[in-house]
C-alpha atoms as a PDB file:
ATOM      1  CA  LEU A   1       5.622  -8.864  -1.012  1.00  0.00           C
ATOM      2  CA  LEU A   2       7.270  -8.091  -4.337  1.00  0.00           C
ATOM      3  CA  THR A   3      10.430 -10.021  -3.562  1.00  0.00           C
ATOM      4  CA  ASN A   4       9.046 -12.842  -1.418  1.00  0.00           C
ATOM      5  CA  PRO A   5      10.023 -16.119  -3.184  1.00  0.00           C
ATOM      6  CA  GLU A   6       6.915 -17.948  -1.942  1.00  0.00           C
ATOM      7  CA  ILE A   7       4.626 -15.263  -3.347  1.00  0.00           C
ATOM      8  CA  ARG A   8       6.567 -15.164  -6.624  1.00  0.00           C
ATOM      9  CA  LYS A   9       6.063 -18.951  -7.025  1.00  0.00           C
ATOM     10  CA  LEU A  10       2.308 -18.455  -6.781  1.00  0.00           C
ATOM     11  CA  PHE A  11       2.366 -15.892  -9.605  1.00  0.00           C
ATOM     12  CA  PRO A  12       4.650 -17.222 -12.346  1.00  0.00           C
ATOM     13  CA  ASP A  13       3.881 -14.325 -14.696  1.00  0.00           C
ATOM     14  CA  GLY A  14       4.958 -11.803 -12.109  1.00  0.00           C
ATOM     15  CA  ILE A  15       3.791  -9.214  -9.634  1.00  0.00           C
ATOM     16  CA  VAL A  16       2.873  -5.747 -10.847  1.00  0.00           C
ATOM     17  CA  TRP A  17       2.323  -2.679  -8.732  1.00  0.00           C
ATOM     18  CA  TYR A  18       0.789   0.709  -9.402  1.00  0.00           C
ATOM     19  CA  GLU A  19       0.216   3.538  -6.930  1.00  0.00           C
ATOM     20  CA  VAL A  20      -3.071   5.115  -7.953  1.00  0.00           C
ATOM     21  CA  ARG A  21      -3.339   7.888  -5.325  1.00  0.00           C
ATOM     22  CA  LYS A  22      -5.965  10.624  -5.823  1.00  0.00           C
ATOM     23  CA  GLU A  23      -6.434  10.052  -9.556  1.00  0.00           C
ATOM     24  CA  LYS A  24     -10.109  10.320 -10.501  1.00  0.00           C
ATOM     25  CA  ASN A  25      -9.852   9.718 -14.241  1.00  0.00           C
ATOM     26  CA  ILE A  26      -9.750   6.027 -15.183  1.00  0.00           C
ATOM     27  CA  ILE A  27      -8.310   6.798 -18.625  1.00  0.00           C
ATOM     28  CA  ASN A  28      -5.296   8.465 -16.992  1.00  0.00           C
ATOM     29  CA  VAL A  29      -4.847   5.453 -14.697  1.00  0.00           C
ATOM     30  CA  LEU A  30      -5.054   3.005 -17.607  1.00  0.00           C
ATOM     31  CA  ASP A  31      -2.658   5.009 -19.776  1.00  0.00           C
ATOM     32  CA  ARG A  32      -0.144   5.164 -16.913  1.00  0.00           C
ATOM     33  CA  VAL A  33      -0.575   1.426 -16.264  1.00  0.00           C
ATOM     34  CA  SER A  34       0.042   0.707 -19.945  1.00  0.00           C
ATOM     35  CA  ILE A  35       3.340   2.592 -19.804  1.00  0.00           C
ATOM     36  CA  LEU A  36       4.534   1.196 -16.469  1.00  0.00           C
ATOM     37  CA  TRP A  37       3.592  -2.385 -17.297  1.00  0.00           C
ATOM     38  CA  LYS A  38       4.768  -2.145 -20.914  1.00  0.00           C
ATOM     39  CA  LEU A  39       1.311  -2.806 -22.393  1.00  0.00           C
ATOM     40  CA  PRO A  40       1.118  -0.338 -25.311  1.00  0.00           C
ATOM     41  CA  GLU A  41      -2.030  -1.991 -26.674  1.00  0.00           C
ATOM     42  CA  ILE A  42      -4.020  -0.415 -23.824  1.00  0.00           C
ATOM     43  CA  LYS A  43      -2.834   3.117 -24.535  1.00  0.00           C
ATOM     44  CA  LYS A  44      -3.772   2.713 -28.211  1.00  0.00           C
ATOM     45  CA  GLN A  45      -7.439   2.271 -27.309  1.00  0.00           C
ATOM     46  CA  LYS A  46      -9.516   5.457 -27.528  1.00  0.00           C
ATOM     47  CA  THR A  47     -12.408   4.988 -25.098  1.00  0.00           C
ATOM     48  CA  GLU A  48     -12.604   4.027 -21.439  1.00  0.00           C
ATOM     49  CA  GLU A  49     -14.601   0.910 -22.313  1.00  0.00           C
ATOM     50  CA  ASP A  50     -12.071  -0.188 -24.944  1.00  0.00           C
ATOM     51  CA  LYS A  51      -9.128   0.426 -22.612  1.00  0.00           C
ATOM     52  CA  LEU A  52     -10.775  -1.568 -19.801  1.00  0.00           C
ATOM     53  CA  ALA A  53     -11.712  -4.397 -22.180  1.00  0.00           C
ATOM     54  CA  CYS A  54      -8.149  -4.501 -23.508  1.00  0.00           C
ATOM     55  CA  LEU A  55      -6.720  -4.582 -19.963  1.00  0.00           C
ATOM     56  CA  ASN A  56      -9.107  -7.393 -19.072  1.00  0.00           C
ATOM     57  CA  GLU A  57      -8.136  -9.350 -22.198  1.00  0.00           C
ATOM     58  CA  VAL A  58      -4.409  -8.969 -21.533  1.00  0.00           C
ATOM     59  CA  LEU A  59      -4.818  -9.957 -17.883  1.00  0.00           C
ATOM     60  CA  SER A  60      -6.987 -12.970 -18.709  1.00  0.00           C
ATOM     61  CA  LYS A  61      -3.980 -14.548 -20.475  1.00  0.00           C
ATOM     62  CA  CYS A  62      -1.662 -14.468 -17.472  1.00  0.00           C
ATOM     63  CA  HIS A  63      -1.426 -15.333 -13.797  1.00  0.00           C
ATOM     64  CA  VAL A  64      -0.248 -12.142 -12.147  1.00  0.00           C
ATOM     65  CA  LEU A  65      -0.625 -10.564  -8.735  1.00  0.00           C
ATOM     66  CA  ILE A  66      -1.707  -6.956  -9.210  1.00  0.00           C
ATOM     67  CA  VAL A  67      -1.236  -4.456  -6.416  1.00  0.00           C
ATOM     68  CA  TYR A  68      -3.215  -1.236  -6.853  1.00  0.00           C
ATOM     69  CA  ASP A  69      -1.802   0.817  -4.023  1.00  0.00           C
ATOM     70  CA  ASN A  70      -3.260   3.835  -2.230  1.00  0.00           C
ATOM     71  CA  VAL A  71      -6.548   4.084  -4.159  1.00  0.00           C
ATOM     72  CA  TRP A  72      -8.640   7.077  -3.116  1.00  0.00           C
ATOM     73  CA  ASP A  73     -11.557   7.085  -5.549  1.00  0.00           C
ATOM     74  CA  GLU A  74     -14.491   4.641  -5.305  1.00  0.00           C
ATOM     75  CA  ASN A  75     -15.146   4.622  -9.078  1.00  0.00           C
ATOM     76  CA  ILE A  76     -11.507   3.969  -9.919  1.00  0.00           C
ATOM     77  CA  ALA A  77     -11.464   1.072  -7.434  1.00  0.00           C
ATOM     78  CA  ARG A  78     -14.648  -0.376  -8.917  1.00  0.00           C
ATOM     79  CA  SER A  79     -13.306  -0.229 -12.490  1.00  0.00           C
ATOM     80  CA  LEU A  80      -9.935  -1.726 -11.592  1.00  0.00           C
ATOM     81  CA  LEU A  81     -11.531  -4.580  -9.671  1.00  0.00           C
ATOM     82  CA  GLN A  82     -14.037  -5.427 -12.406  1.00  0.00           C
ATOM     83  CA  TYR A  83     -11.437  -5.632 -15.165  1.00  0.00           C
ATOM     84  CA  CYS A  84      -8.628  -7.793 -13.817  1.00  0.00           C
ATOM     85  CA  GLY A  85      -8.863 -10.927 -15.971  1.00  0.00           C
ATOM     86  CA  ASN A  86      -7.824 -14.031 -14.068  1.00  0.00           C
ATOM     87  CA  CYS A  87      -5.383 -12.184 -11.856  1.00  0.00           C
ATOM     88  CA  ALA A  88      -5.304 -11.829  -8.095  1.00  0.00           C
ATOM     89  CA  VAL A  89      -5.698  -8.234  -6.966  1.00  0.00           C
ATOM     90  CA  ILE A  90      -4.676  -6.439  -3.813  1.00  0.00           C
ATOM     91  CA  LEU A  91      -6.145  -2.977  -3.544  1.00  0.00           C
ATOM     92  CA  THR A  92      -4.975  -0.787  -0.690  1.00  0.00           C
ATOM     93  CA  ALA A  93      -6.901   2.246   0.477  1.00  0.00           C
ATOM     94  CA  ARG A  94      -7.017   4.536   3.455  1.00  0.00           C
ATOM     95  CA  ARG A  95     -10.734   3.922   3.815  1.00  0.00           C
ATOM     96  CA  ARG A  96     -13.204   1.288   2.714  1.00  0.00           C
ATOM     97  CA  LEU A  97     -13.889   1.385  -1.017  1.00  0.00           C
ATOM     98  CA  ALA A  98     -15.929  -0.505  -3.575  1.00  0.00           C
ATOM     99  CA  SER A  99     -18.359  -1.988  -1.142  1.00  0.00           C
ATOM    100  CA  GLY A 100     -19.654  -5.324  -2.339  1.00  0.00           C
ATOM    101  CA  LEU A 101     -16.678  -5.910  -4.640  1.00  0.00           C
ATOM    102  CA  LEU A 102     -14.052  -6.828  -2.114  1.00  0.00           C
ATOM    103  CA  GLU A 103     -13.559  -8.100   1.371  1.00  0.00           C
ATOM    104  CA  PRO A 104     -11.863  -5.542   3.631  1.00  0.00           C
ATOM    105  CA  PHE A 105      -8.826  -6.856   5.438  1.00  0.00           C
ATOM    106  CA  PRO A 106      -7.792  -4.451   8.179  1.00  0.00           C
ATOM    107  CA  LEU A 107      -4.146  -4.337   9.138  1.00  0.00           C
ATOM    108  CA  GLU A 108      -3.658  -4.990  12.812  1.00  0.00           C
ATOM    109  CA  GLY A 109      -0.749  -3.768  14.844  1.00  0.00           C
ATOM    110  CA  LEU A 110       2.221  -6.022  15.462  1.00  0.00           C
ATOM    111  CA  LYS A 111       3.108  -7.471  18.824  1.00  0.00           C
ATOM    112  CA  PRO A 112       5.385  -4.982  20.633  1.00  0.00           C
ATOM    113  CA  GLU A 113       8.517  -7.148  20.359  1.00  0.00           C
ATOM    114  CA  LYS A 114       7.957  -7.674  16.598  1.00  0.00           C
ATOM    115  CA  ALA A 115       7.331  -3.950  16.096  1.00  0.00           C
ATOM    116  CA  ILE A 116      10.569  -3.086  17.893  1.00  0.00           C
ATOM    117  CA  GLU A 117      12.442  -5.673  15.834  1.00  0.00           C
ATOM    118  CA  LEU A 118      10.993  -4.309  12.578  1.00  0.00           C
ATOM    119  CA  PHE A 119      11.865  -0.719  13.472  1.00  0.00           C
ATOM    120  CA  THR A 120      15.381  -1.687  14.548  1.00  0.00           C
ATOM    121  CA  VAL A 121      16.107  -3.666  11.387  1.00  0.00           C
ATOM    122  CA  LEU A 122      14.745  -0.964   9.074  1.00  0.00           C
ATOM    123  CA  SER A 123      16.286   2.021  10.850  1.00  0.00           C
ATOM    124  CA  GLY A 124      19.678   0.513  11.613  1.00  0.00           C
ATOM    125  CA  LEU A 125      19.549   1.923  15.142  1.00  0.00           C
ATOM    126  CA  ASP A 126      21.341   0.053  17.897  1.00  0.00           C
ATOM    127  CA  ILE A 127      18.694  -1.785  19.940  1.00  0.00           C
ATOM    128  CA  ASN A 128      20.941  -1.667  23.017  1.00  0.00           C
ATOM    129  CA  LEU A 129      21.073   2.128  22.929  1.00  0.00           C
ATOM    130  CA  TYR A 130      17.545   2.942  21.830  1.00  0.00           C
ATOM    131  CA  LYS A 131      15.221   0.110  22.896  1.00  0.00           C
ATOM    132  CA  ASP A 132      13.028   2.299  25.130  1.00  0.00           C
ATOM    133  CA  LYS A 133      12.823   5.063  22.521  1.00  0.00           C
ATOM    134  CA  ILE A 134      12.020   2.595  19.731  1.00  0.00           C
ATOM    135  CA  ASP A 135       9.322   1.034  21.885  1.00  0.00           C
ATOM    136  CA  GLU A 136       7.824   4.473  22.547  1.00  0.00           C
ATOM    137  CA  ILE A 137       7.831   5.301  18.819  1.00  0.00           C
ATOM    138  CA  CYS A 138       6.098   2.002  18.040  1.00  0.00           C
ATOM    139  CA  GLN A 139       3.518   2.602  20.785  1.00  0.00           C
ATOM    140  CA  LEU A 140       2.749   6.044  19.384  1.00  0.00           C
ATOM    141  CA  VAL A 141       1.732   4.481  16.050  1.00  0.00           C
ATOM    142  CA  SER A 142      -0.169   1.580  17.654  1.00  0.00           C
ATOM    143  CA  TYR A 143       2.455  -0.898  16.424  1.00  0.00           C
ATOM    144  CA  HIS A 144       1.124  -0.465  12.870  1.00  0.00           C
ATOM    145  CA  PRO A 145       3.647  -2.042  10.451  1.00  0.00           C
ATOM    146  CA  LEU A 146       3.266   0.480   7.632  1.00  0.00           C
ATOM    147  CA  SER A 147       3.650   3.422   9.996  1.00  0.00           C
ATOM    148  CA  ILE A 148       6.719   1.772  11.506  1.00  0.00           C
ATOM    149  CA  LYS A 149       8.220   1.224   8.065  1.00  0.00           C
ATOM    150  CA  ILE A 150       7.628   4.844   7.067  1.00  0.00           C
ATOM    151  CA  LEU A 151       9.125   6.187  10.276  1.00  0.00           C
ATOM    152  CA  ALA A 152      12.086   3.819  10.347  1.00  0.00           C
ATOM    153  CA  THR A 153      13.145   4.394   6.763  1.00  0.00           C
ATOM    154  CA  ASN A 154      12.547   8.110   6.303  1.00  0.00           C
ATOM    155  CA  PRO A 155      12.567  10.678   9.120  1.00  0.00           C
ATOM    156  CA  ILE A 156      14.811   8.724  11.468  1.00  0.00           C
ATOM    157  CA  LYS A 157      17.755   9.354   9.186  1.00  0.00           C
ATOM    158  CA  LYS A 158      17.248  13.095   9.686  1.00  0.00           C
ATOM    159  CA  MET A 159      16.271  13.283  13.346  1.00  0.00           C
ATOM    160  CA  THR A 160      17.083  11.639  16.630  1.00  0.00           C
ATOM    161  CA  PRO A 161      14.634   9.143  18.166  1.00  0.00           C
ATOM    162  CA  GLU A 162      13.878  11.769  20.824  1.00  0.00           C
ATOM    163  CA  ARG A 163      12.988  14.351  18.176  1.00  0.00           C
ATOM    164  CA  LEU A 164      10.875  11.798  16.305  1.00  0.00           C
ATOM    165  CA  ILE A 165       8.942  11.041  19.510  1.00  0.00           C
ATOM    166  CA  GLU A 166       8.431  14.752  20.070  1.00  0.00           C
ATOM    167  CA  ARG A 167       7.075  15.172  16.526  1.00  0.00           C
ATOM    168  CA  LEU A 168       4.835  12.112  16.809  1.00  0.00           C
ATOM    169  CA  SER A 169       3.496  13.279  20.140  1.00  0.00           C
ATOM    170  CA  THR A 170       1.995  16.410  18.641  1.00  0.00           C
ATOM    171  CA  ARG A 171      -1.706  15.969  18.014  1.00  0.00           C
ATOM    172  CA  GLU A 172      -1.600  16.620  14.246  1.00  0.00           C
ATOM    173  CA  ARG A 173       1.200  14.180  13.396  1.00  0.00           C
ATOM    174  CA  LEU A 174      -0.148  11.410  15.583  1.00  0.00           C
ATOM    175  CA  LYS A 175      -3.692  11.867  14.258  1.00  0.00           C
ATOM    176  CA  LEU A 176      -2.439  11.622  10.670  1.00  0.00           C
ATOM    177  CA  LEU A 177      -0.690   8.313  11.286  1.00  0.00           C
ATOM    178  CA  GLN A 178      -3.494   6.884  13.404  1.00  0.00           C
ATOM    179  CA  ASP A 179      -6.186   7.868  10.890  1.00  0.00           C
ATOM    180  CA  THR A 180      -4.476   5.892   8.152  1.00  0.00           C
ATOM    181  CA  SER A 181      -3.902   2.877  10.358  1.00  0.00           C
ATOM    182  CA  HIS A 182      -7.347   2.665  11.918  1.00  0.00           C
ATOM    183  CA  ASP A 183      -9.722   3.359   9.034  1.00  0.00           C
ATOM    184  CA  LYS A 184     -11.939   0.481  10.100  1.00  0.00           C
ATOM    185  CA  ASP A 185     -12.808   2.514  13.213  1.00  0.00           C
ATOM    186  CA  ASN A 186     -13.733   5.552  11.135  1.00  0.00           C
ATOM    187  CA  ASN A 187     -16.405   3.853   9.013  1.00  0.00           C
END
């Protein structure tokens, strides 16, 4: 998303990203955003209302895609979505947030052949040697692209595909990945 030339053309002033996580204090989020996005005028504001108004004013002067990633708190989501100027916003969450403010867009699993291709490209594994194992890994995470990316770029470098399958097959590990990829079923 951040490097896609077609997306970058749509947002001439840039694409900005911030991983919010479990933060529950909007002032902390705004101060961190001001540092990361080089917007010191936000940090100078004293109150939550002033910081949000300043963010809104700054964002109303540009055409930016904002990605607020991994938002956990409903109130944080609501504040960030209400004060985004004229910018497009993508807010990712592990569960539905800010009902009435946004349209949920669930991520579906990839087709098996695309999932295998994605895993192979990201992991660097030889498709001829590991096709069945890669397919099994992808099946275990319901062909979910984010889960595939995480597995292909992190643990695979430290463990064999067989060991990864063994780890994913345990109830706790599989439940963790499935819970984050199927939140629409949990609401």
